[in-house]
PDB file of N, CA and C in Angstrom:
ATOM      1  N   MET A   1      37.818 119.179 -39.019  1.00  0.00           N
ATOM      2  CA  MET A   1      36.902 118.608 -38.100  1.00  0.00           C
ATOM      3  C   MET A   1      36.805 119.427 -36.794  1.00  0.00           C
ATOM      4  N   LYS A   2      36.860 120.616 -37.001  1.00  0.00           N
ATOM      5  CA  LYS A   2      36.740 121.611 -35.853  1.00  0.00           C
ATOM      6  C   LYS A   2      35.275 121.622 -35.320  1.00  0.00           C
ATOM      7  N   SER A   3      34.356 121.186 -36.079  1.00  0.00           N
ATOM      8  CA  SER A   3      32.957 121.054 -35.461  1.00  0.00           C
ATOM      9  C   SER A   3      32.685 119.944 -34.603  1.00  0.00           C
ATOM     10  N   LYS A   4      33.551 119.077 -34.411  1.00  0.00           N
ATOM     11  CA  LYS A   4      33.282 117.848 -33.694  1.00  0.00           C
ATOM     12  C   LYS A   4      33.198 118.049 -32.181  1.00  0.00           C
ATOM     13  N   SER A   5      32.265 117.516 -31.690  1.00  0.00           N
ATOM     14  CA  SER A   5      31.971 117.697 -30.095  1.00  0.00           C
ATOM     15  C   SER A   5      32.958 116.859 -29.445  1.00  0.00           C
ATOM     16  N   HIS A   6      33.141 117.078 -28.109  1.00  0.00           N
ATOM     17  CA  HIS A   6      34.289 116.307 -27.281  1.00  0.00           C
ATOM     18  C   HIS A   6      33.851 114.788 -27.261  1.00  0.00           C
ATOM     19  N   GLY A   7      32.674 114.500 -27.238  1.00  0.00           N
ATOM     20  CA  GLY A   7      32.287 113.112 -27.246  1.00  0.00           C
ATOM     21  C   GLY A   7      32.461 112.352 -28.607  1.00  0.00           C
ATOM     22  N   HIS A   8      32.340 113.092 -29.793  1.00  0.00           N
ATOM     23  CA  HIS A   8      32.777 112.555 -31.024  1.00  0.00           C
ATOM     24  C   HIS A   8      34.276 112.504 -31.141  1.00  0.00           C
ATOM     25  N   VAL A   9      35.061 113.337 -30.678  1.00  0.00           N
ATOM     26  CA  VAL A   9      36.440 113.267 -30.671  1.00  0.00           C
ATOM     27  C   VAL A   9      36.970 112.092 -29.886  1.00  0.00           C
ATOM     28  N   GLU A  10      36.375 111.939 -28.788  1.00  0.00           N
ATOM     29  CA  GLU A  10      36.567 110.839 -27.751  1.00  0.00           C
ATOM     30  C   GLU A  10      36.327 109.408 -28.476  1.00  0.00           C
ATOM     31  N   GLU A  11      35.158 109.235 -29.075  1.00  0.00           N
ATOM     32  CA  GLU A  11      34.919 108.152 -29.722  1.00  0.00           C
ATOM     33  C   GLU A  11      35.902 107.908 -31.029  1.00  0.00           C
ATOM     34  N   ALA A  12      36.111 108.913 -31.856  1.00  0.00           N
ATOM     35  CA  ALA A  12      37.081 108.794 -33.004  1.00  0.00           C
ATOM     36  C   ALA A  12      38.533 108.276 -32.534  1.00  0.00           C
ATOM     37  N   VAL A  13      39.001 109.046 -31.405  1.00  0.00           N
ATOM     38  CA  VAL A  13      40.160 108.793 -30.973  1.00  0.00           C
ATOM     39  C   VAL A  13      40.441 107.360 -30.512  1.00  0.00           C
ATOM     40  N   ILE A  14      39.415 106.893 -29.664  1.00  0.00           N
ATOM     41  CA  ILE A  14      39.305 105.635 -29.064  1.00  0.00           C
ATOM     42  C   ILE A  14      39.350 104.616 -30.389  1.00  0.00           C
ATOM     43  N   SER A  15      38.542 104.795 -31.215  1.00  0.00           N
ATOM     44  CA  SER A  15      38.405 103.906 -32.467  1.00  0.00           C
ATOM     45  C   SER A  15      39.886 103.814 -33.231  1.00  0.00           C
ATOM     46  N   ILE A  16      40.455 104.965 -33.277  1.00  0.00           N
ATOM     47  CA  ILE A  16      41.781 104.956 -33.992  1.00  0.00           C
ATOM     48  C   ILE A  16      42.801 104.149 -33.145  1.00  0.00           C
ATOM     49  N   ILE A  17      42.833 104.367 -31.781  1.00  0.00           N
ATOM     50  CA  ILE A  17      43.790 103.620 -30.973  1.00  0.00           C
ATOM     51  C   ILE A  17      43.442 102.152 -30.909  1.00  0.00           C
ATOM     52  N   ALA A  18      42.301 101.837 -30.979  1.00  0.00           N
ATOM     53  CA  ALA A  18      41.969 100.354 -31.066  1.00  0.00           C
ATOM     54  C   ALA A  18      42.409  99.819 -32.293  1.00  0.00           C
ATOM     55  N   GLN A  19      42.162 100.519 -33.426  1.00  0.00           N
ATOM     56  CA  GLN A  19      42.724  99.950 -34.738  1.00  0.00           C
ATOM     57  C   GLN A  19      44.245  99.812 -34.730  1.00  0.00           C
ATOM     58  N   CYS A  20      44.931 100.697 -34.184  1.00  0.00           N
ATOM     59  CA  CYS A  20      46.330 100.512 -34.221  1.00  0.00           C
ATOM     60  C   CYS A  20      46.838  99.555 -33.275  1.00  0.00           C
ATOM     61  N   CYS A  21      46.070  99.216 -32.173  1.00  0.00           N
ATOM     62  CA  CYS A  21      46.429  98.334 -31.225  1.00  0.00           C
ATOM     63  C   CYS A  21      45.938  96.815 -31.412  1.00  0.00           C
ATOM     64  N   ASN A  22      45.180  96.740 -32.504  1.00  0.00           N
ATOM     65  CA  ASN A  22      44.509  95.403 -32.937  1.00  0.00           C
ATOM     66  C   ASN A  22      43.570  94.960 -31.619  1.00  0.00           C
ATOM     67  N   LYS A  23      42.787  95.915 -31.079  1.00  0.00           N
ATOM     68  CA  LYS A  23      41.861  95.639 -29.946  1.00  0.00           C
ATOM     69  C   LYS A  23      40.542  96.169 -30.484  1.00  0.00           C
ATOM     70  N   GLU A  24      39.471  95.597 -29.781  1.00  0.00           N
ATOM     71  CA  GLU A  24      38.064  96.096 -29.920  1.00  0.00           C
ATOM     72  C   GLU A  24      37.984  97.356 -29.136  1.00  0.00           C
ATOM     73  N   VAL A  25      37.104  98.312 -29.786  1.00  0.00           N
ATOM     74  CA  VAL A  25      36.710  99.436 -28.961  1.00  0.00           C
ATOM     75  C   VAL A  25      36.336  99.239 -27.541  1.00  0.00           C
ATOM     76  N   SER A  26      35.501  98.354 -27.356  1.00  0.00           N
ATOM     77  CA  SER A  26      35.036  97.963 -26.112  1.00  0.00           C
ATOM     78  C   SER A  26      36.144  97.610 -25.019  1.00  0.00           C
ATOM     79  N   GLU A  27      37.326  97.265 -25.599  1.00  0.00           N
ATOM     80  CA  GLU A  27      38.514  97.068 -24.559  1.00  0.00           C
ATOM     81  C   GLU A  27      39.303  98.177 -24.270  1.00  0.00           C
ATOM     82  N   ILE A  28      39.058  99.271 -24.810  1.00  0.00           N
ATOM     83  CA  ILE A  28      39.859 100.517 -24.581  1.00  0.00           C
ATOM     84  C   ILE A  28      39.116 101.346 -23.540  1.00  0.00           C
ATOM     85  N   GLN A  29      39.877 101.704 -22.480  1.00  0.00           N
ATOM     86  CA  GLN A  29      39.307 102.524 -21.408  1.00  0.00           C
ATOM     87  C   GLN A  29      40.112 103.746 -21.292  1.00  0.00           C
ATOM     88  N   LEU A  30      39.521 104.711 -20.842  1.00  0.00           N
ATOM     89  CA  LEU A  30      40.209 106.058 -20.841  1.00  0.00           C
ATOM     90  C   LEU A  30      41.437 106.172 -19.945  1.00  0.00           C
ATOM     91  N   ASP A  31      41.600 105.476 -18.923  1.00  0.00           N
ATOM     92  CA  ASP A  31      42.819 105.366 -17.975  1.00  0.00           C
ATOM     93  C   ASP A  31      43.850 104.445 -18.475  1.00  0.00           C
ATOM     94  N   HIS A  32      43.444 103.712 -19.628  1.00  0.00           N
ATOM     95  CA  HIS A  32      44.542 102.716 -20.136  1.00  0.00           C
ATOM     96  C   HIS A  32      45.945 103.523 -20.443  1.00  0.00           C
ATOM     97  N   SER A  33      47.057 102.963 -20.192  1.00  0.00           N
ATOM     98  CA  SER A  33      48.213 103.303 -20.658  1.00  0.00           C
ATOM     99  C   SER A  33      48.555 102.916 -21.987  1.00  0.00           C
ATOM    100  N   LEU A  34      48.959 103.755 -22.952  1.00  0.00           N
ATOM    101  CA  LEU A  34      49.103 103.087 -24.141  1.00  0.00           C
ATOM    102  C   LEU A  34      50.224 101.946 -24.114  1.00  0.00           C
ATOM    103  N   ALA A  35      51.340 102.101 -23.465  1.00  0.00           N
ATOM    104  CA  ALA A  35      52.366 101.196 -23.483  1.00  0.00           C
ATOM    105  C   ALA A  35      52.016 100.032 -22.529  1.00  0.00           C
ATOM    106  N   ASN A  36      51.765 100.281 -21.391  1.00  0.00           N
ATOM    107  CA  ASN A  36      51.643  99.234 -20.216  1.00  0.00           C
ATOM    108  C   ASN A  36      50.356  98.465 -20.527  1.00  0.00           C
ATOM    109  N   ASP A  37      49.169  99.117 -20.676  1.00  0.00           N
ATOM    110  CA  ASP A  37      47.881  98.311 -20.758  1.00  0.00           C
ATOM    111  C   ASP A  37      47.614  97.859 -22.191  1.00  0.00           C
ATOM    112  N   LEU A  38      48.036  98.575 -23.248  1.00  0.00           N
ATOM    113  CA  LEU A  38      47.465  98.394 -24.637  1.00  0.00           C
ATOM    114  C   LEU A  38      48.748  97.809 -25.413  1.00  0.00           C
ATOM    115  N   GLY A  39      50.026  97.785 -24.760  1.00  0.00           N
ATOM    116  CA  GLY A  39      50.917  97.150 -25.573  1.00  0.00           C
ATOM    117  C   GLY A  39      51.438  97.943 -26.630  1.00  0.00           C
ATOM    118  N   VAL A  40      51.317  99.149 -26.757  1.00  0.00           N
ATOM    119  CA  VAL A  40      51.824  99.903 -27.926  1.00  0.00           C
ATOM    120  C   VAL A  40      53.219  99.953 -28.039  1.00  0.00           C
ATOM    121  N   ASP A  41      53.796  99.638 -29.046  1.00  0.00           N
ATOM    122  CA  ASP A  41      55.363  99.463 -29.266  1.00  0.00           C
ATOM    123  C   ASP A  41      55.549 100.770 -30.223  1.00  0.00           C
ATOM    124  N   SER A  42      56.954 101.022 -30.596  1.00  0.00           N
ATOM    125  CA  SER A  42      57.252 102.249 -31.185  1.00  0.00           C
ATOM    126  C   SER A  42      56.695 102.259 -32.630  1.00  0.00           C
ATOM    127  N   ILE A  43      56.461 101.083 -33.370  1.00  0.00           N
ATOM    128  CA  ILE A  43      55.967 101.159 -34.644  1.00  0.00           C
ATOM    129  C   ILE A  43      54.571 101.608 -34.709  1.00  0.00           C
ATOM    130  N   GLN A  44      53.821 101.022 -33.613  1.00  0.00           N
ATOM    131  CA  GLN A  44      52.305 101.257 -33.415  1.00  0.00           C
ATOM    132  C   GLN A  44      52.243 102.638 -33.116  1.00  0.00           C
ATOM    133  N   PHE A  45      53.058 103.135 -32.227  1.00  0.00           N
ATOM    134  CA  PHE A  45      52.992 104.616 -31.959  1.00  0.00           C
ATOM    135  C   PHE A  45      53.080 105.448 -33.149  1.00  0.00           C
ATOM    136  N   LEU A  46      54.025 105.184 -33.963  1.00  0.00           N
ATOM    137  CA  LEU A  46      54.108 106.095 -35.228  1.00  0.00           C
ATOM    138  C   LEU A  46      52.889 105.795 -36.067  1.00  0.00           C
ATOM    139  N   GLU A  47      52.139 104.631 -36.154  1.00  0.00           N
ATOM    140  CA  GLU A  47      51.076 104.510 -36.960  1.00  0.00           C
ATOM    141  C   GLU A  47      50.012 105.186 -36.266  1.00  0.00           C
ATOM    142  N   LEU A  48      49.966 105.330 -34.983  1.00  0.00           N
ATOM    143  CA  LEU A  48      48.926 105.977 -34.152  1.00  0.00           C
ATOM    144  C   LEU A  48      49.116 107.509 -34.555  1.00  0.00           C
ATOM    145  N   LEU A  49      50.206 107.948 -34.399  1.00  0.00           N
ATOM    146  CA  LEU A  49      50.449 109.593 -34.698  1.00  0.00           C
ATOM    147  C   LEU A  49      49.972 109.945 -36.177  1.00  0.00           C
ATOM    148  N   PHE A  50      50.278 109.009 -37.113  1.00  0.00           N
ATOM    149  CA  PHE A  50      49.900 109.175 -38.491  1.00  0.00           C
ATOM    150  C   PHE A  50      48.267 109.137 -38.719  1.00  0.00           C
ATOM    151  N   ALA A  51      47.865 108.255 -38.041  1.00  0.00           N
ATOM    152  CA  ALA A  51      46.431 108.027 -38.009  1.00  0.00           C
ATOM    153  C   ALA A  51      45.559 109.140 -37.437  1.00  0.00           C
ATOM    154  N   LEU A  52      46.118 109.766 -36.397  1.00  0.00           N
ATOM    155  CA  LEU A  52      45.543 110.868 -35.805  1.00  0.00           C
ATOM    156  C   LEU A  52      45.582 112.049 -36.690  1.00  0.00           C
ATOM    157  N   GLU A  53      46.785 112.285 -37.337  1.00  0.00           N
ATOM    158  CA  GLU A  53      46.889 113.413 -38.219  1.00  0.00           C
ATOM    159  C   GLU A  53      45.990 113.297 -39.322  1.00  0.00           C
ATOM    160  N   GLU A  54      45.840 111.986 -39.981  1.00  0.00           N
ATOM    161  CA  GLU A  54      44.992 111.872 -41.114  1.00  0.00           C
ATOM    162  C   GLU A  54      43.525 111.783 -40.639  1.00  0.00           C
ATOM    163  N   GLY A  55      43.177 111.402 -39.545  1.00  0.00           N
ATOM    164  CA  GLY A  55      41.816 111.288 -39.110  1.00  0.00           C
ATOM    165  C   GLY A  55      41.193 112.785 -38.663  1.00  0.00           C
ATOM    166  N   PHE A  56      42.031 113.624 -38.186  1.00  0.00           N
ATOM    167  CA  PHE A  56      41.663 114.880 -37.625  1.00  0.00           C
ATOM    168  C   PHE A  56      42.253 116.149 -38.291  1.00  0.00           C
ATOM    169  N   GLY A  57      43.084 115.915 -39.452  1.00  0.00           N
ATOM    170  CA  GLY A  57      43.478 116.923 -40.394  1.00  0.00           C
ATOM    171  C   GLY A  57      44.430 117.904 -39.685  1.00  0.00           C
ATOM    172  N   PHE A  58      45.407 117.467 -38.845  1.00  0.00           N
ATOM    173  CA  PHE A  58      46.489 118.409 -38.240  1.00  0.00           C
ATOM    174  C   PHE A  58      47.732 117.798 -38.541  1.00  0.00           C
ATOM    175  N   GLN A  59      48.721 118.635 -38.527  1.00  0.00           N
ATOM    176  CA  GLN A  59      50.096 118.195 -38.670  1.00  0.00           C
ATOM    177  C   GLN A  59      50.711 118.247 -37.168  1.00  0.00           C
ATOM    178  N   MET A  60      51.460 117.214 -36.833  1.00  0.00           N
ATOM    179  CA  MET A  60      52.266 117.082 -35.640  1.00  0.00           C
ATOM    180  C   MET A  60      53.386 118.013 -35.876  1.00  0.00           C
ATOM    181  N   GLU A  61      53.790 118.663 -34.720  1.00  0.00           N
ATOM    182  CA  GLU A  61      54.962 119.519 -34.739  1.00  0.00           C
ATOM    183  C   GLU A  61      55.968 118.943 -33.669  1.00  0.00           C
ATOM    184  N   VAL A  62      57.085 119.166 -33.738  1.00  0.00           N
ATOM    185  CA  VAL A  62      58.279 118.659 -33.117  1.00  0.00           C
ATOM    186  C   VAL A  62      58.004 118.913 -31.404  1.00  0.00           C
ATOM    187  N   ASP A  63      57.472 120.025 -31.002  1.00  0.00           N
ATOM    188  CA  ASP A  63      56.947 120.402 -29.817  1.00  0.00           C
ATOM    189  C   ASP A  63      55.827 119.572 -29.327  1.00  0.00           C
ATOM    190  N   ASP A  64      55.068 118.924 -30.178  1.00  0.00           N
ATOM    191  CA  ASP A  64      53.946 117.999 -29.759  1.00  0.00           C
ATOM    192  C   ASP A  64      54.312 116.702 -29.208  1.00  0.00           C
ATOM    193  N   LEU A  65      55.654 116.292 -29.515  1.00  0.00           N
ATOM    194  CA  LEU A  65      56.133 114.931 -29.232  1.00  0.00           C
ATOM    195  C   LEU A  65      56.636 114.704 -27.845  1.00  0.00           C
ATOM    196  N   HIS A  66      55.862 115.167 -26.947  1.00  0.00           N
ATOM    197  CA  HIS A  66      56.125 114.903 -25.336  1.00  0.00           C
ATOM    198  C   HIS A  66      55.563 113.547 -24.910  1.00  0.00           C
ATOM    199  N   PRO A  67      56.325 112.781 -24.193  1.00  0.00           N
ATOM    200  CA  PRO A  67      55.574 111.373 -23.872  1.00  0.00           C
ATOM    201  C   PRO A  67      54.517 111.685 -22.957  1.00  0.00           C
ATOM    202  N   GLU A  68      54.475 112.542 -22.001  1.00  0.00           N
ATOM    203  CA  GLU A  68      53.075 112.723 -21.289  1.00  0.00           C
ATOM    204  C   GLU A  68      52.023 113.215 -22.124  1.00  0.00           C
ATOM    205  N   LYS A  69      52.087 113.548 -23.126  1.00  0.00           N
ATOM    206  CA  LYS A  69      50.742 113.829 -24.011  1.00  0.00           C
ATOM    207  C   LYS A  69      50.226 112.600 -24.749  1.00  0.00           C
ATOM    208  N   PHE A  70      51.032 111.482 -24.546  1.00  0.00           N
ATOM    209  CA  PHE A  70      50.644 110.337 -25.160  1.00  0.00           C
ATOM    210  C   PHE A  70      50.675 108.964 -24.127  1.00  0.00           C
ATOM    211  N   ARG A  71      50.624 109.366 -22.887  1.00  0.00           N
ATOM    212  CA  ARG A  71      50.803 108.383 -21.875  1.00  0.00           C
ATOM    213  C   ARG A  71      49.593 107.505 -21.780  1.00  0.00           C
ATOM    214  N   SER A  72      48.323 108.099 -21.827  1.00  0.00           N
ATOM    215  CA  SER A  72      47.118 107.299 -21.627  1.00  0.00           C
ATOM    216  C   SER A  72      46.203 107.655 -22.689  1.00  0.00           C
ATOM    217  N   VAL A  73      45.027 106.943 -22.836  1.00  0.00           N
ATOM    218  CA  VAL A  73      44.107 107.243 -23.803  1.00  0.00           C
ATOM    219  C   VAL A  73      43.472 108.592 -23.554  1.00  0.00           C
ATOM    220  N   GLN A  74      43.194 108.894 -22.347  1.00  0.00           N
ATOM    221  CA  GLN A  74      42.554 110.137 -21.997  1.00  0.00           C
ATOM    222  C   GLN A  74      43.533 111.407 -22.500  1.00  0.00           C
ATOM    223  N   SER A  75      44.963 111.198 -22.226  1.00  0.00           N
ATOM    224  CA  SER A  75      45.885 112.209 -22.625  1.00  0.00           C
ATOM    225  C   SER A  75      45.843 112.395 -24.074  1.00  0.00           C
ATOM    226  N   VAL A  76      45.755 111.283 -24.854  1.00  0.00           N
ATOM    227  CA  VAL A  76      45.638 111.463 -26.331  1.00  0.00           C
ATOM    228  C   VAL A  76      44.428 112.331 -26.680  1.00  0.00           C
ATOM    229  N   ILE A  77      43.264 111.980 -26.060  1.00  0.00           N
ATOM    230  CA  ILE A  77      42.054 112.709 -26.512  1.00  0.00           C
ATOM    231  C   ILE A  77      42.136 114.051 -26.121  1.00  0.00           C
ATOM    232  N   ARG A  78      42.597 114.561 -24.985  1.00  0.00           N
ATOM    233  CA  ARG A  78      42.986 115.853 -24.580  1.00  0.00           C
ATOM    234  C   ARG A  78      43.916 116.580 -25.543  1.00  0.00           C
ATOM    235  N   PHE A  79      45.081 115.928 -26.097  1.00  0.00           N
ATOM    236  CA  PHE A  79      45.819 116.307 -26.949  1.00  0.00           C
ATOM    237  C   PHE A  79      45.145 116.828 -28.361  1.00  0.00           C
ATOM    238  N   VAL A  80      44.446 115.601 -28.788  1.00  0.00           N
ATOM    239  CA  VAL A  80      43.740 115.920 -30.176  1.00  0.00           C
ATOM    240  C   VAL A  80      42.681 116.951 -30.059  1.00  0.00           C
ATOM    241  N   ALA A  81      41.826 116.967 -29.008  1.00  0.00           N
ATOM    242  CA  ALA A  81      40.885 118.036 -28.774  1.00  0.00           C
ATOM    243  C   ALA A  81      41.498 119.561 -28.729  1.00  0.00           C
ATOM    244  N   GLY A  82      42.767 119.560 -28.089  1.00  0.00           N
ATOM    245  CA  GLY A  82      43.437 120.823 -28.090  1.00  0.00           C
ATOM    246  C   GLY A  82      44.098 121.194 -29.523  1.00  0.00           C
ATOM    247  N   LYS A  83      44.460 120.227 -30.363  1.00  0.00           N
ATOM    248  CA  LYS A  83      44.960 120.459 -31.637  1.00  0.00           C
ATOM    249  C   LYS A  83      43.843 120.982 -32.555  1.00  0.00           C
ATOM    250  N   ILE A  84      42.623 120.428 -32.624  1.00  0.00           N
ATOM    251  CA  ILE A  84      41.682 120.683 -33.376  1.00  0.00           C
ATOM    252  C   ILE A  84      40.803 121.937 -33.051  1.00  0.00           C
ATOM    253  N   ALA A  85      41.007 122.226 -31.732  1.00  0.00           N
ATOM    254  CA  ALA A  85      40.405 123.480 -31.332  1.00  0.00           C
ATOM    255  C   ALA A  85      41.411 124.832 -31.557  1.00  0.00           C
ATOM    256  N   ALA A  86      42.613 124.564 -31.896  1.00  0.00           N
ATOM    257  CA  ALA A  86      43.514 125.737 -32.006  1.00  0.00           C
ATOM    258  C   ALA A  86      43.260 126.285 -33.441  1.00  0.00           C
TER     259      ALA A  86
END
């Protein structure tokens, strides 16, 4: 999916997050905290990581698993954009 524009990546990531959190896409905002605002627990977090790998065709590395990369919806979008641009 390297040809995806930033807008398409943003829409796809928000859709995946919404699905993992059992929320509507319209309820997800860029500044939402995954844990505090969306209530993502450890199981949902693992489901999210797997869905991002599947959806965007990359593999997570141990070095990728820093909490700050997954703190907010926007940080997840930046992380995914960086992974597919690499």
